[in-house]
Amino acid sequence: MKIIDISAGIYTGMPVHPGDPKVSIRERKKLFNEGFSLSEISMGLHSGTHIDAPAHYISGGKRAHEVRLERLIGRAKVCDMRGVVAIGESEIRECGIKKGDVPLFKTKDACGRFSKDYPALDKTGAEYLIRNKCPSVGTDQFSIEAIGAVGDVHKMLLSKEMIIIEGLDLSDAKPGYYRLFCLPLKILGVEGAPARCILIK
C-alpha cells in the first residue's frame, strides 16, 4: 500500500487566490520563555487545499460541516490535464472517467508555477461530471474555473451537491486510479474548509 499526501502545505506568505486574505502564522508563546509553544494562524478558508461546500455559491446550500463525507472518500482518478486549454467533456472522456469517479485534474507543470491561463473546467465538462454522478471533483489550481469567471461552473456543480476540492498538490501522483480520503476541518456554519487529502494506491 502506498500513501500519497496530496495536500498543499500551509505557510506564511503562501500564494492564494487573487483577492483572498493572506496567510500568516506566528508563534504567540515561545518554548524558551513560557515552557511551551503556541502558534496562531490567520487565513481565508479557501487557502491551500480546501473544499467548497454548496453554500459557497448556493443560497441555502449545505455548509462545510454538513457535507456528507462519503462524497470525499472513494475511487478517484488523477487526470493529466497539463497543456490543456479548457477541461471540457472531450478531455474528461479521454481521461476515462467512469460513473461515480472523483476526477482530480493535474494541471501544473513540473515546477508548479501559477499562470492565469491555467486549465479550468468549462460548462461542458461540468455537465458531463453531473451526468456521471461524480460525488466530487478536484484540481491543483486555486479554483476549478478560470480567473475572472463569474462562478457558473461552481454553481452548476454545487447546486447538485458535487463537492469541489481545490489547491491540491498532485506533483507526486501519477495519472491513474487511487482511493481518495479527503477530510475537511469541521468548522461550523461556513462555506468552505481546509482539508487534508491523501491517495492510497
N, C-alpha and C. Protein backbone atom coordinates (compact mmCIF):
# COMPACT_ATOMS: atom_id res chain seq x y z
N MET A 1 0.85 -1.20 0.00
CA MET A 1 0.00 0.00 0.00
C MET A 1 0.88 1.24 0.00
N LYS A 2 0.61 2.16 -0.90
CA LYS A 2 1.35 3.41 -0.99
C LYS A 2 0.42 4.58 -0.69
N ILE A 3 0.83 5.43 0.24
CA ILE A 3 0.05 6.61 0.61
C ILE A 3 0.72 7.85 0.03
N ILE A 4 -0.04 8.65 -0.69
CA ILE A 4 0.46 9.90 -1.26
C ILE A 4 -0.30 11.06 -0.66
N ASP A 5 0.40 11.95 0.01
CA ASP A 5 -0.22 13.15 0.58
C ASP A 5 -0.39 14.17 -0.54
N ILE A 6 -1.62 14.51 -0.85
CA ILE A 6 -1.88 15.46 -1.94
C ILE A 6 -2.38 16.80 -1.40
N SER A 7 -2.07 17.08 -0.14
CA SER A 7 -2.45 18.37 0.46
C SER A 7 -1.29 19.35 0.34
N ALA A 8 -1.61 20.58 0.02
CA ALA A 8 -0.59 21.62 -0.03
C ALA A 8 -0.27 22.08 1.38
N GLY A 9 1.00 22.28 1.68
CA GLY A 9 1.38 22.79 2.99
C GLY A 9 0.94 24.24 3.15
N ILE A 10 0.60 24.62 4.38
CA ILE A 10 0.16 25.99 4.68
C ILE A 10 1.30 26.71 5.39
N TYR A 11 1.64 27.89 4.89
CA TYR A 11 2.76 28.64 5.48
C TYR A 11 2.56 30.13 5.25
N THR A 12 3.22 30.92 6.05
CA THR A 12 3.11 32.38 5.95
C THR A 12 3.53 32.85 4.57
N GLY A 13 2.69 33.68 3.98
CA GLY A 13 3.01 34.27 2.69
C GLY A 13 2.78 33.36 1.50
N MET A 14 2.15 32.21 1.71
CA MET A 14 1.92 31.29 0.59
C MET A 14 1.00 31.92 -0.46
N PRO A 15 1.09 31.49 -1.71
CA PRO A 15 0.21 32.04 -2.74
C PRO A 15 -1.25 31.71 -2.45
N VAL A 16 -2.12 32.67 -2.69
CA VAL A 16 -3.56 32.47 -2.52
C VAL A 16 -4.27 33.00 -3.76
N HIS A 17 -5.55 32.65 -3.88
CA HIS A 17 -6.36 33.15 -5.00
C HIS A 17 -6.35 34.68 -4.94
N PRO A 18 -6.21 35.33 -6.11
CA PRO A 18 -6.20 36.80 -6.12
C PRO A 18 -7.38 37.40 -5.37
N GLY A 19 -7.09 38.27 -4.40
CA GLY A 19 -8.12 38.93 -3.61
C GLY A 19 -8.42 38.25 -2.29
N ASP A 20 -7.95 37.01 -2.10
CA ASP A 20 -8.18 36.31 -0.84
C ASP A 20 -7.26 36.83 0.27
N PRO A 21 -7.64 36.63 1.54
CA PRO A 21 -6.77 37.07 2.64
C PRO A 21 -5.43 36.36 2.60
N LYS A 22 -4.39 37.07 3.01
CA LYS A 22 -3.06 36.48 3.05
C LYS A 22 -2.96 35.53 4.25
N VAL A 23 -2.06 34.57 4.14
CA VAL A 23 -1.84 33.60 5.21
C VAL A 23 -0.71 34.09 6.11
N SER A 24 -0.99 34.07 7.41
CA SER A 24 0.01 34.48 8.40
C SER A 24 -0.01 33.50 9.57
N ILE A 25 1.15 32.96 9.90
CA ILE A 25 1.30 32.08 11.07
C ILE A 25 2.36 32.69 11.97
N ARG A 26 2.03 32.83 13.24
CA ARG A 26 3.04 33.38 14.15
C ARG A 26 2.99 32.68 15.50
N GLU A 27 4.13 32.62 16.11
CA GLU A 27 4.26 31.98 17.41
C GLU A 27 3.88 32.98 18.49
N ARG A 28 2.86 32.66 19.29
CA ARG A 28 2.41 33.55 20.36
C ARG A 28 3.05 33.22 21.70
N LYS A 29 3.37 31.98 21.92
CA LYS A 29 4.06 31.55 23.13
C LYS A 29 5.32 30.80 22.71
N LYS A 30 6.43 31.17 23.32
CA LYS A 30 7.70 30.56 22.94
C LYS A 30 8.13 29.54 23.99
N LEU A 31 8.58 28.41 23.53
CA LEU A 31 9.00 27.34 24.41
C LEU A 31 10.10 27.81 25.37
N PHE A 32 11.01 28.63 24.86
CA PHE A 32 12.13 29.09 25.68
C PHE A 32 11.66 29.98 26.84
N ASN A 33 10.61 30.79 26.59
CA ASN A 33 10.14 31.74 27.61
C ASN A 33 9.05 31.15 28.51
N GLU A 34 8.01 30.56 27.92
CA GLU A 34 6.86 30.09 28.68
C GLU A 34 6.90 28.61 29.06
N GLY A 35 7.82 27.89 28.48
CA GLY A 35 7.88 26.45 28.75
C GLY A 35 7.05 25.62 27.80
N PHE A 36 6.31 26.28 26.91
CA PHE A 36 5.57 25.59 25.86
C PHE A 36 5.42 26.55 24.68
N SER A 37 5.14 25.99 23.54
CA SER A 37 4.95 26.84 22.36
C SER A 37 3.49 26.80 21.93
N LEU A 38 3.01 27.91 21.36
CA LEU A 38 1.62 28.02 20.88
C LEU A 38 1.61 29.01 19.74
N SER A 39 1.06 28.58 18.61
CA SER A 39 1.02 29.44 17.43
C SER A 39 -0.41 29.75 17.04
N GLU A 40 -0.59 30.85 16.32
CA GLU A 40 -1.91 31.21 15.78
C GLU A 40 -1.79 31.38 14.28
N ILE A 41 -2.93 31.19 13.61
CA ILE A 41 -2.95 31.30 12.15
C ILE A 41 -4.07 32.23 11.72
N SER A 42 -3.80 33.03 10.72
CA SER A 42 -4.81 33.89 10.11
C SER A 42 -4.82 33.59 8.62
N MET A 43 -5.99 33.22 8.11
CA MET A 43 -6.07 32.85 6.70
C MET A 43 -7.53 32.79 6.25
N GLY A 44 -7.74 32.86 4.97
CA GLY A 44 -9.06 32.61 4.41
C GLY A 44 -9.30 31.11 4.38
N LEU A 45 -10.55 30.70 4.44
CA LEU A 45 -10.87 29.28 4.45
C LEU A 45 -10.66 28.60 3.11
N HIS A 46 -10.32 29.38 2.09
CA HIS A 46 -10.07 28.82 0.76
C HIS A 46 -8.59 28.91 0.41
N SER A 47 -7.74 28.89 1.42
CA SER A 47 -6.29 28.87 1.22
C SER A 47 -5.80 27.44 1.19
N GLY A 48 -4.77 27.19 0.38
CA GLY A 48 -4.20 25.85 0.32
C GLY A 48 -5.25 24.83 -0.13
N THR A 49 -5.09 23.59 0.30
CA THR A 49 -6.05 22.54 -0.05
C THR A 49 -7.31 22.71 0.77
N HIS A 50 -8.44 22.82 0.10
CA HIS A 50 -9.71 23.08 0.79
C HIS A 50 -10.88 22.56 -0.03
N ILE A 51 -12.03 22.51 0.60
CA ILE A 51 -13.25 22.16 -0.13
C ILE A 51 -14.15 23.38 -0.25
N ASP A 52 -14.90 23.41 -1.33
CA ASP A 52 -16.00 24.37 -1.49
C ASP A 52 -17.29 23.60 -1.22
N ALA A 53 -18.03 24.02 -0.21
CA ALA A 53 -19.34 23.43 0.08
C ALA A 53 -20.40 24.17 -0.75
N PRO A 54 -21.58 23.60 -0.92
CA PRO A 54 -22.62 24.27 -1.71
C PRO A 54 -22.90 25.72 -1.29
N ALA A 55 -22.82 26.02 0.01
CA ALA A 55 -23.11 27.38 0.49
C ALA A 55 -22.14 28.42 -0.06
N HIS A 56 -21.05 27.98 -0.66
CA HIS A 56 -20.09 28.92 -1.25
C HIS A 56 -20.75 29.74 -2.37
N TYR A 57 -21.70 29.11 -3.08
CA TYR A 57 -22.37 29.82 -4.18
C TYR A 57 -23.89 29.66 -4.18
N ILE A 58 -24.41 28.72 -3.41
CA ILE A 58 -25.83 28.40 -3.48
C ILE A 58 -26.54 28.89 -2.21
N SER A 59 -27.53 29.76 -2.37
CA SER A 59 -28.31 30.24 -1.23
C SER A 59 -29.03 29.07 -0.57
N GLY A 60 -28.84 28.92 0.74
CA GLY A 60 -29.46 27.82 1.46
C GLY A 60 -28.75 26.49 1.29
N GLY A 61 -27.60 26.50 0.59
CA GLY A 61 -26.86 25.27 0.36
C GLY A 61 -26.17 24.77 1.62
N LYS A 62 -25.77 23.51 1.59
CA LYS A 62 -25.13 22.91 2.75
C LYS A 62 -23.82 23.62 3.09
N ARG A 63 -23.59 23.77 4.40
CA ARG A 63 -22.34 24.33 4.90
C ARG A 63 -21.29 23.23 4.97
N ALA A 64 -20.05 23.63 5.20
CA ALA A 64 -18.95 22.66 5.16
C ALA A 64 -19.16 21.51 6.14
N HIS A 65 -19.66 21.82 7.34
CA HIS A 65 -19.82 20.75 8.33
C HIS A 65 -20.99 19.82 8.02
N GLU A 66 -21.82 20.22 7.04
CA GLU A 66 -22.97 19.40 6.66
C GLU A 66 -22.69 18.50 5.46
N VAL A 67 -21.54 18.67 4.85
CA VAL A 67 -21.20 17.89 3.67
C VAL A 67 -21.05 16.41 4.05
N ARG A 68 -21.64 15.54 3.27
CA ARG A 68 -21.52 14.10 3.51
C ARG A 68 -20.10 13.66 3.15
N LEU A 69 -19.41 13.07 4.12
CA LEU A 69 -18.03 12.66 3.90
C LEU A 69 -17.91 11.57 2.85
N GLU A 70 -19.01 10.84 2.59
CA GLU A 70 -18.99 9.83 1.52
C GLU A 70 -18.64 10.44 0.17
N ARG A 71 -18.92 11.74 0.03
CA ARG A 71 -18.62 12.41 -1.23
C ARG A 71 -17.12 12.72 -1.38
N LEU A 72 -16.38 12.55 -0.31
CA LEU A 72 -14.96 12.88 -0.32
C LEU A 72 -14.06 11.67 -0.05
N ILE A 73 -14.68 10.50 -0.02
CA ILE A 73 -13.95 9.25 0.17
C ILE A 73 -14.41 8.27 -0.90
N GLY A 74 -13.48 7.76 -1.67
CA GLY A 74 -13.88 6.82 -2.71
C GLY A 74 -12.87 6.69 -3.82
N ARG A 75 -13.34 6.16 -4.94
CA ARG A 75 -12.47 5.91 -6.10
C ARG A 75 -12.20 7.22 -6.85
N ALA A 76 -10.93 7.55 -6.95
CA ALA A 76 -10.54 8.79 -7.64
C ALA A 76 -9.61 8.46 -8.79
N LYS A 77 -9.64 9.31 -9.79
CA LYS A 77 -8.71 9.15 -10.90
C LYS A 77 -7.98 10.45 -11.16
N VAL A 78 -6.65 10.39 -11.11
CA VAL A 78 -5.83 11.55 -11.45
C VAL A 78 -5.76 11.64 -12.96
N CYS A 79 -6.17 12.79 -13.49
CA CYS A 79 -6.20 13.03 -14.94
C CYS A 79 -5.14 14.06 -15.30
N ASP A 80 -4.26 13.72 -16.21
CA ASP A 80 -3.21 14.65 -16.63
C ASP A 80 -3.80 15.65 -17.61
N MET A 81 -3.98 16.89 -17.13
CA MET A 81 -4.54 17.95 -17.97
C MET A 81 -3.51 19.04 -18.25
N ARG A 82 -2.25 18.72 -18.06
CA ARG A 82 -1.19 19.70 -18.35
C ARG A 82 -1.17 20.00 -19.85
N GLY A 83 -1.18 21.27 -20.17
CA GLY A 83 -1.17 21.68 -21.57
C GLY A 83 -2.55 21.82 -22.19
N VAL A 84 -3.59 21.42 -21.45
CA VAL A 84 -4.96 21.56 -21.96
C VAL A 84 -5.40 23.01 -21.79
N VAL A 85 -6.13 23.52 -22.77
CA VAL A 85 -6.62 24.91 -22.70
C VAL A 85 -7.82 25.00 -21.77
N ALA A 86 -8.82 24.16 -22.00
CA ALA A 86 -10.01 24.12 -21.17
C ALA A 86 -10.40 22.66 -20.96
N ILE A 87 -10.84 22.33 -19.76
CA ILE A 87 -11.21 20.95 -19.44
C ILE A 87 -12.70 20.78 -19.73
N GLY A 88 -12.99 20.22 -20.88
CA GLY A 88 -14.36 20.02 -21.31
C GLY A 88 -14.73 18.55 -21.36
N GLU A 89 -15.89 18.26 -21.91
CA GLU A 89 -16.37 16.88 -21.96
C GLU A 89 -15.39 15.97 -22.69
N SER A 90 -14.86 16.41 -23.82
CA SER A 90 -13.97 15.55 -24.61
C SER A 90 -12.70 15.21 -23.84
N GLU A 91 -12.15 16.18 -23.12
CA GLU A 91 -10.93 15.93 -22.34
C GLU A 91 -11.19 14.95 -21.20
N ILE A 92 -12.36 15.06 -20.57
CA ILE A 92 -12.70 14.16 -19.46
C ILE A 92 -12.99 12.76 -19.99
N ARG A 93 -13.66 12.67 -21.14
CA ARG A 93 -13.89 11.37 -21.77
C ARG A 93 -12.57 10.68 -22.07
N GLU A 94 -11.62 11.45 -22.59
CA GLU A 94 -10.31 10.89 -22.94
C GLU A 94 -9.58 10.36 -21.70
N CYS A 95 -9.84 10.98 -20.57
CA CYS A 95 -9.24 10.52 -19.31
C CYS A 95 -9.84 9.21 -18.85
N GLY A 96 -11.04 8.90 -19.31
CA GLY A 96 -11.67 7.63 -18.97
C GLY A 96 -12.43 7.63 -17.65
N ILE A 97 -12.98 8.80 -17.28
CA ILE A 97 -13.76 8.89 -16.04
C ILE A 97 -15.02 8.04 -16.16
N LYS A 98 -15.28 7.23 -15.12
CA LYS A 98 -16.46 6.38 -15.09
C LYS A 98 -17.48 6.95 -14.11
N LYS A 99 -18.69 6.44 -14.18
CA LYS A 99 -19.76 6.90 -13.30
C LYS A 99 -19.36 6.72 -11.84
N GLY A 100 -19.50 7.78 -11.06
CA GLY A 100 -19.19 7.73 -9.64
C GLY A 100 -17.74 8.00 -9.29
N ASP A 101 -16.87 8.20 -10.28
CA ASP A 101 -15.47 8.52 -10.01
C ASP A 101 -15.32 9.93 -9.48
N VAL A 102 -14.22 10.17 -8.77
CA VAL A 102 -13.83 11.53 -8.39
C VAL A 102 -12.64 11.92 -9.27
N PRO A 103 -12.84 12.77 -10.27
CA PRO A 103 -11.71 13.19 -11.11
C PRO A 103 -10.86 14.23 -10.40
N LEU A 104 -9.55 14.06 -10.47
CA LEU A 104 -8.60 15.01 -9.90
C LEU A 104 -7.73 15.52 -11.04
N PHE A 105 -7.85 16.82 -11.34
CA PHE A 105 -7.18 17.37 -12.51
C PHE A 105 -5.77 17.86 -12.16
N LYS A 106 -4.80 17.22 -12.77
CA LYS A 106 -3.39 17.60 -12.60
C LYS A 106 -3.04 18.55 -13.74
N THR A 107 -2.86 19.83 -13.42
CA THR A 107 -2.69 20.84 -14.47
C THR A 107 -1.33 21.53 -14.42
N LYS A 108 -0.65 21.47 -13.29
CA LYS A 108 0.59 22.23 -13.14
C LYS A 108 1.77 21.52 -13.79
N ASP A 109 2.74 22.32 -14.27
CA ASP A 109 3.94 21.73 -14.83
C ASP A 109 4.86 21.27 -13.70
N ALA A 110 6.01 20.76 -14.05
CA ALA A 110 6.91 20.17 -13.05
C ALA A 110 7.35 21.17 -11.98
N CYS A 111 7.35 22.45 -12.33
CA CYS A 111 7.77 23.49 -11.37
C CYS A 111 6.60 24.00 -10.53
N GLY A 112 5.39 23.59 -10.86
CA GLY A 112 4.23 24.03 -10.09
C GLY A 112 3.94 25.51 -10.21
N ARG A 113 4.36 26.10 -11.32
CA ARG A 113 4.16 27.55 -11.48
C ARG A 113 2.69 27.89 -11.68
N PHE A 114 2.31 29.08 -11.23
CA PHE A 114 0.94 29.54 -11.41
C PHE A 114 0.85 30.43 -12.64
N SER A 115 -0.19 30.22 -13.43
CA SER A 115 -0.43 31.04 -14.60
C SER A 115 -1.90 31.38 -14.66
N LYS A 116 -2.23 32.58 -15.06
CA LYS A 116 -3.64 32.99 -15.12
C LYS A 116 -4.43 32.26 -16.20
N ASP A 117 -3.73 31.60 -17.14
CA ASP A 117 -4.43 30.86 -18.19
C ASP A 117 -4.34 29.35 -17.95
N TYR A 118 -4.39 28.95 -16.66
CA TYR A 118 -4.33 27.54 -16.32
C TYR A 118 -5.56 26.79 -16.85
N PRO A 119 -5.43 25.47 -17.06
CA PRO A 119 -6.60 24.68 -17.50
C PRO A 119 -7.69 24.70 -16.43
N ALA A 120 -8.88 25.08 -16.83
CA ALA A 120 -10.01 25.17 -15.90
C ALA A 120 -11.20 24.42 -16.49
N LEU A 121 -12.07 23.94 -15.62
CA LEU A 121 -13.25 23.20 -16.05
C LEU A 121 -14.24 24.14 -16.73
N ASP A 122 -14.74 23.73 -17.90
CA ASP A 122 -15.76 24.55 -18.56
C ASP A 122 -17.14 23.92 -18.36
N LYS A 123 -18.16 24.56 -18.92
CA LYS A 123 -19.54 24.11 -18.69
C LYS A 123 -19.80 22.73 -19.26
N THR A 124 -19.20 22.41 -20.41
CA THR A 124 -19.43 21.07 -20.99
C THR A 124 -18.83 20.00 -20.09
N GLY A 125 -17.69 20.31 -19.50
CA GLY A 125 -17.06 19.37 -18.57
C GLY A 125 -17.89 19.20 -17.31
N ALA A 126 -18.41 20.31 -16.80
CA ALA A 126 -19.24 20.26 -15.59
C ALA A 126 -20.50 19.44 -15.85
N GLU A 127 -21.13 19.65 -17.00
CA GLU A 127 -22.35 18.90 -17.34
C GLU A 127 -22.05 17.41 -17.43
N TYR A 128 -20.90 17.06 -17.98
CA TYR A 128 -20.53 15.64 -18.11
C TYR A 128 -20.33 15.00 -16.73
N LEU A 129 -19.68 15.71 -15.82
CA LEU A 129 -19.47 15.19 -14.48
C LEU A 129 -20.81 15.02 -13.75
N ILE A 130 -21.71 15.95 -13.95
CA ILE A 130 -23.03 15.87 -13.32
C ILE A 130 -23.80 14.65 -13.85
N ARG A 131 -23.75 14.45 -15.17
CA ARG A 131 -24.44 13.30 -15.77
C ARG A 131 -23.88 11.98 -15.24
N ASN A 132 -22.60 11.97 -14.94
CA ASN A 132 -21.95 10.75 -14.45
C ASN A 132 -21.94 10.65 -12.93
N LYS A 133 -22.70 11.53 -12.28
CA LYS A 133 -22.90 11.47 -10.84
C LYS A 133 -21.59 11.39 -10.05
N CYS A 134 -20.62 12.20 -10.45
CA CYS A 134 -19.37 12.28 -9.70
C CYS A 134 -19.66 12.96 -8.37
N PRO A 135 -19.27 12.37 -7.24
CA PRO A 135 -19.59 12.97 -5.95
C PRO A 135 -18.79 14.22 -5.63
N SER A 136 -17.60 14.30 -6.23
CA SER A 136 -16.75 15.48 -6.02
C SER A 136 -15.77 15.57 -7.18
N VAL A 137 -15.05 16.67 -7.24
CA VAL A 137 -14.06 16.89 -8.29
C VAL A 137 -12.96 17.76 -7.70
N GLY A 138 -11.71 17.50 -8.13
CA GLY A 138 -10.60 18.26 -7.56
C GLY A 138 -9.65 18.80 -8.62
N THR A 139 -8.91 19.83 -8.21
CA THR A 139 -7.91 20.44 -9.08
C THR A 139 -6.73 20.90 -8.24
N ASP A 140 -5.57 21.01 -8.89
CA ASP A 140 -4.39 21.51 -8.18
C ASP A 140 -4.25 23.03 -8.30
N GLN A 141 -5.25 23.67 -8.87
CA GLN A 141 -5.23 25.13 -9.00
C GLN A 141 -6.01 25.78 -7.87
N PHE A 142 -5.93 27.12 -7.79
CA PHE A 142 -6.67 27.87 -6.78
C PHE A 142 -8.17 27.69 -6.94
N SER A 143 -8.61 27.52 -8.19
CA SER A 143 -10.04 27.45 -8.48
C SER A 143 -10.31 26.44 -9.57
N ILE A 144 -11.50 25.83 -9.54
CA ILE A 144 -11.90 24.87 -10.57
C ILE A 144 -12.20 25.58 -11.88
N GLU A 145 -12.54 26.89 -11.79
CA GLU A 145 -12.79 27.63 -13.03
C GLU A 145 -11.80 28.77 -13.19
N ALA A 146 -11.81 29.34 -14.37
CA ALA A 146 -10.79 30.31 -14.74
C ALA A 146 -10.85 31.58 -13.89
N ILE A 147 -9.69 32.22 -13.72
CA ILE A 147 -9.63 33.51 -13.05
C ILE A 147 -10.52 34.50 -13.80
N GLY A 148 -11.36 35.22 -13.07
CA GLY A 148 -12.26 36.19 -13.69
C GLY A 148 -13.60 35.62 -14.08
N ALA A 149 -13.78 34.29 -13.94
CA ALA A 149 -15.08 33.68 -14.25
C ALA A 149 -16.12 34.14 -13.23
N VAL A 150 -17.38 34.08 -13.62
CA VAL A 150 -18.45 34.61 -12.76
C VAL A 150 -19.06 33.55 -11.84
N GLY A 151 -18.52 32.34 -11.87
CA GLY A 151 -18.99 31.31 -10.95
C GLY A 151 -19.99 30.33 -11.52
N ASP A 152 -20.22 30.36 -12.83
CA ASP A 152 -21.22 29.47 -13.42
C ASP A 152 -20.90 28.00 -13.19
N VAL A 153 -19.63 27.63 -13.33
CA VAL A 153 -19.24 26.23 -13.15
C VAL A 153 -19.40 25.83 -11.69
N HIS A 154 -18.98 26.70 -10.77
CA HIS A 154 -19.19 26.44 -9.35
C HIS A 154 -20.68 26.19 -9.07
N LYS A 155 -21.52 27.06 -9.58
CA LYS A 155 -22.95 26.95 -9.33
C LYS A 155 -23.53 25.66 -9.89
N MET A 156 -23.09 25.28 -11.09
CA MET A 156 -23.58 24.04 -11.70
C MET A 156 -23.25 22.84 -10.82
N LEU A 157 -22.01 22.77 -10.36
CA LEU A 157 -21.57 21.62 -9.56
C LEU A 157 -22.19 21.64 -8.17
N LEU A 158 -22.10 22.78 -7.50
CA LEU A 158 -22.55 22.87 -6.11
C LEU A 158 -24.06 22.75 -5.98
N SER A 159 -24.80 23.15 -7.01
CA SER A 159 -26.25 23.01 -6.96
C SER A 159 -26.66 21.53 -6.95
N LYS A 160 -25.77 20.66 -7.43
CA LYS A 160 -26.00 19.21 -7.41
C LYS A 160 -25.28 18.56 -6.23
N GLU A 161 -24.79 19.39 -5.33
CA GLU A 161 -24.05 18.94 -4.14
C GLU A 161 -22.80 18.16 -4.50
N MET A 162 -22.20 18.48 -5.67
CA MET A 162 -20.90 17.94 -6.02
C MET A 162 -19.85 18.81 -5.34
N ILE A 163 -19.07 18.23 -4.45
CA ILE A 163 -18.11 19.00 -3.66
C ILE A 163 -16.87 19.29 -4.49
N ILE A 164 -16.38 20.50 -4.38
CA ILE A 164 -15.20 20.93 -5.15
C ILE A 164 -13.99 20.96 -4.21
N ILE A 165 -12.93 20.30 -4.63
CA ILE A 165 -11.67 20.29 -3.88
C ILE A 165 -10.66 21.10 -4.69
N GLU A 166 -10.11 22.12 -4.09
CA GLU A 166 -9.17 22.99 -4.79
C GLU A 166 -7.85 23.07 -4.03
N GLY A 167 -6.80 23.46 -4.77
CA GLY A 167 -5.49 23.65 -4.14
C GLY A 167 -4.75 22.36 -3.80
N LEU A 168 -5.03 21.29 -4.53
CA LEU A 168 -4.35 20.02 -4.29
C LEU A 168 -2.88 20.09 -4.72
N ASP A 169 -2.07 19.21 -4.18
CA ASP A 169 -0.68 19.05 -4.61
C ASP A 169 -0.57 17.66 -5.24
N LEU A 170 -0.67 17.62 -6.55
CA LEU A 170 -0.66 16.35 -7.27
C LEU A 170 0.69 16.04 -7.90
N SER A 171 1.72 16.73 -7.45
CA SER A 171 3.04 16.58 -8.06
C SER A 171 3.58 15.16 -7.95
N ASP A 172 3.24 14.43 -6.88
CA ASP A 172 3.73 13.06 -6.70
C ASP A 172 2.72 12.00 -7.11
N ALA A 173 1.60 12.42 -7.66
CA ALA A 173 0.54 11.48 -8.04
C ALA A 173 0.55 11.28 -9.56
N LYS A 174 0.88 10.09 -9.98
CA LYS A 174 0.86 9.78 -11.40
C LYS A 174 -0.59 9.57 -11.86
N PRO A 175 -0.88 9.82 -13.12
CA PRO A 175 -2.23 9.57 -13.63
C PRO A 175 -2.66 8.13 -13.38
N GLY A 176 -3.92 7.96 -13.00
CA GLY A 176 -4.43 6.63 -12.74
C GLY A 176 -5.40 6.61 -11.58
N TYR A 177 -5.83 5.41 -11.21
CA TYR A 177 -6.83 5.24 -10.16
C TYR A 177 -6.20 5.10 -8.77
N TYR A 178 -6.89 5.68 -7.78
CA TYR A 178 -6.48 5.62 -6.38
C TYR A 178 -7.73 5.56 -5.50
N ARG A 179 -7.50 5.35 -4.22
CA ARG A 179 -8.55 5.51 -3.21
C ARG A 179 -8.31 6.87 -2.57
N LEU A 180 -9.31 7.73 -2.57
CA LEU A 180 -9.20 9.09 -2.04
C LEU A 180 -9.81 9.18 -0.65
N PHE A 181 -9.10 9.85 0.24
CA PHE A 181 -9.63 10.24 1.55
C PHE A 181 -9.36 11.73 1.71
N CYS A 182 -10.41 12.53 1.74
CA CYS A 182 -10.28 13.98 1.86
C CYS A 182 -11.19 14.45 2.99
N LEU A 183 -10.60 14.88 4.10
CA LEU A 183 -11.37 15.23 5.29
C LEU A 183 -11.22 16.72 5.63
N PRO A 184 -12.30 17.50 5.45
CA PRO A 184 -12.25 18.92 5.79
C PRO A 184 -12.37 19.13 7.30
N LEU A 185 -11.80 20.22 7.79
CA LEU A 185 -11.98 20.57 9.19
C LEU A 185 -13.46 20.82 9.46
N LYS A 186 -13.92 20.41 10.63
CA LYS A 186 -15.34 20.56 10.98
C LYS A 186 -15.56 21.94 11.60
N ILE A 187 -15.58 22.95 10.73
CA ILE A 187 -15.82 24.33 11.15
C ILE A 187 -17.30 24.61 10.90
N LEU A 188 -18.02 24.97 11.92
CA LEU A 188 -19.46 25.09 11.81
C LEU A 188 -19.90 26.37 11.09
N GLY A 189 -20.88 26.21 10.22
CA GLY A 189 -21.58 27.34 9.63
C GLY A 189 -20.86 28.08 8.52
N VAL A 190 -19.80 27.50 7.94
CA VAL A 190 -19.04 28.22 6.91
C VAL A 190 -19.19 27.54 5.56
N GLU A 191 -18.76 28.24 4.52
CA GLU A 191 -18.97 27.79 3.15
C GLU A 191 -17.84 26.94 2.58
N GLY A 192 -16.75 26.82 3.32
CA GLY A 192 -15.61 26.04 2.86
C GLY A 192 -14.73 25.71 4.04
N ALA A 193 -13.75 24.82 3.82
CA ALA A 193 -12.88 24.44 4.93
C ALA A 193 -11.58 23.84 4.42
N PRO A 194 -10.47 24.13 5.10
CA PRO A 194 -9.20 23.46 4.78
C PRO A 194 -9.37 21.95 4.93
N ALA A 195 -8.62 21.19 4.14
CA ALA A 195 -8.76 19.73 4.18
C ALA A 195 -7.40 19.06 4.04
N ARG A 196 -7.30 17.88 4.66
CA ARG A 196 -6.14 17.03 4.48
C ARG A 196 -6.57 15.89 3.56
N CYS A 197 -5.91 15.75 2.44
CA CYS A 197 -6.31 14.77 1.45
C CYS A 197 -5.15 13.83 1.14
N ILE A 198 -5.46 12.54 1.05
CA ILE A 198 -4.45 11.55 0.69
C ILE A 198 -5.01 10.62 -0.38
N LEU A 199 -4.10 10.03 -1.14
CA LEU A 199 -4.44 8.99 -2.09
C LEU A 199 -3.76 7.70 -1.64
N ILE A 200 -4.46 6.59 -1.78
CA ILE A 200 -3.88 5.28 -1.48
C ILE A 200 -3.90 4.45 -2.76
N LYS A 201 -2.72 3.94 -3.11
CA LYS A 201 -2.58 3.12 -4.33
C LYS A 201 -2.68 1.66 -3.94
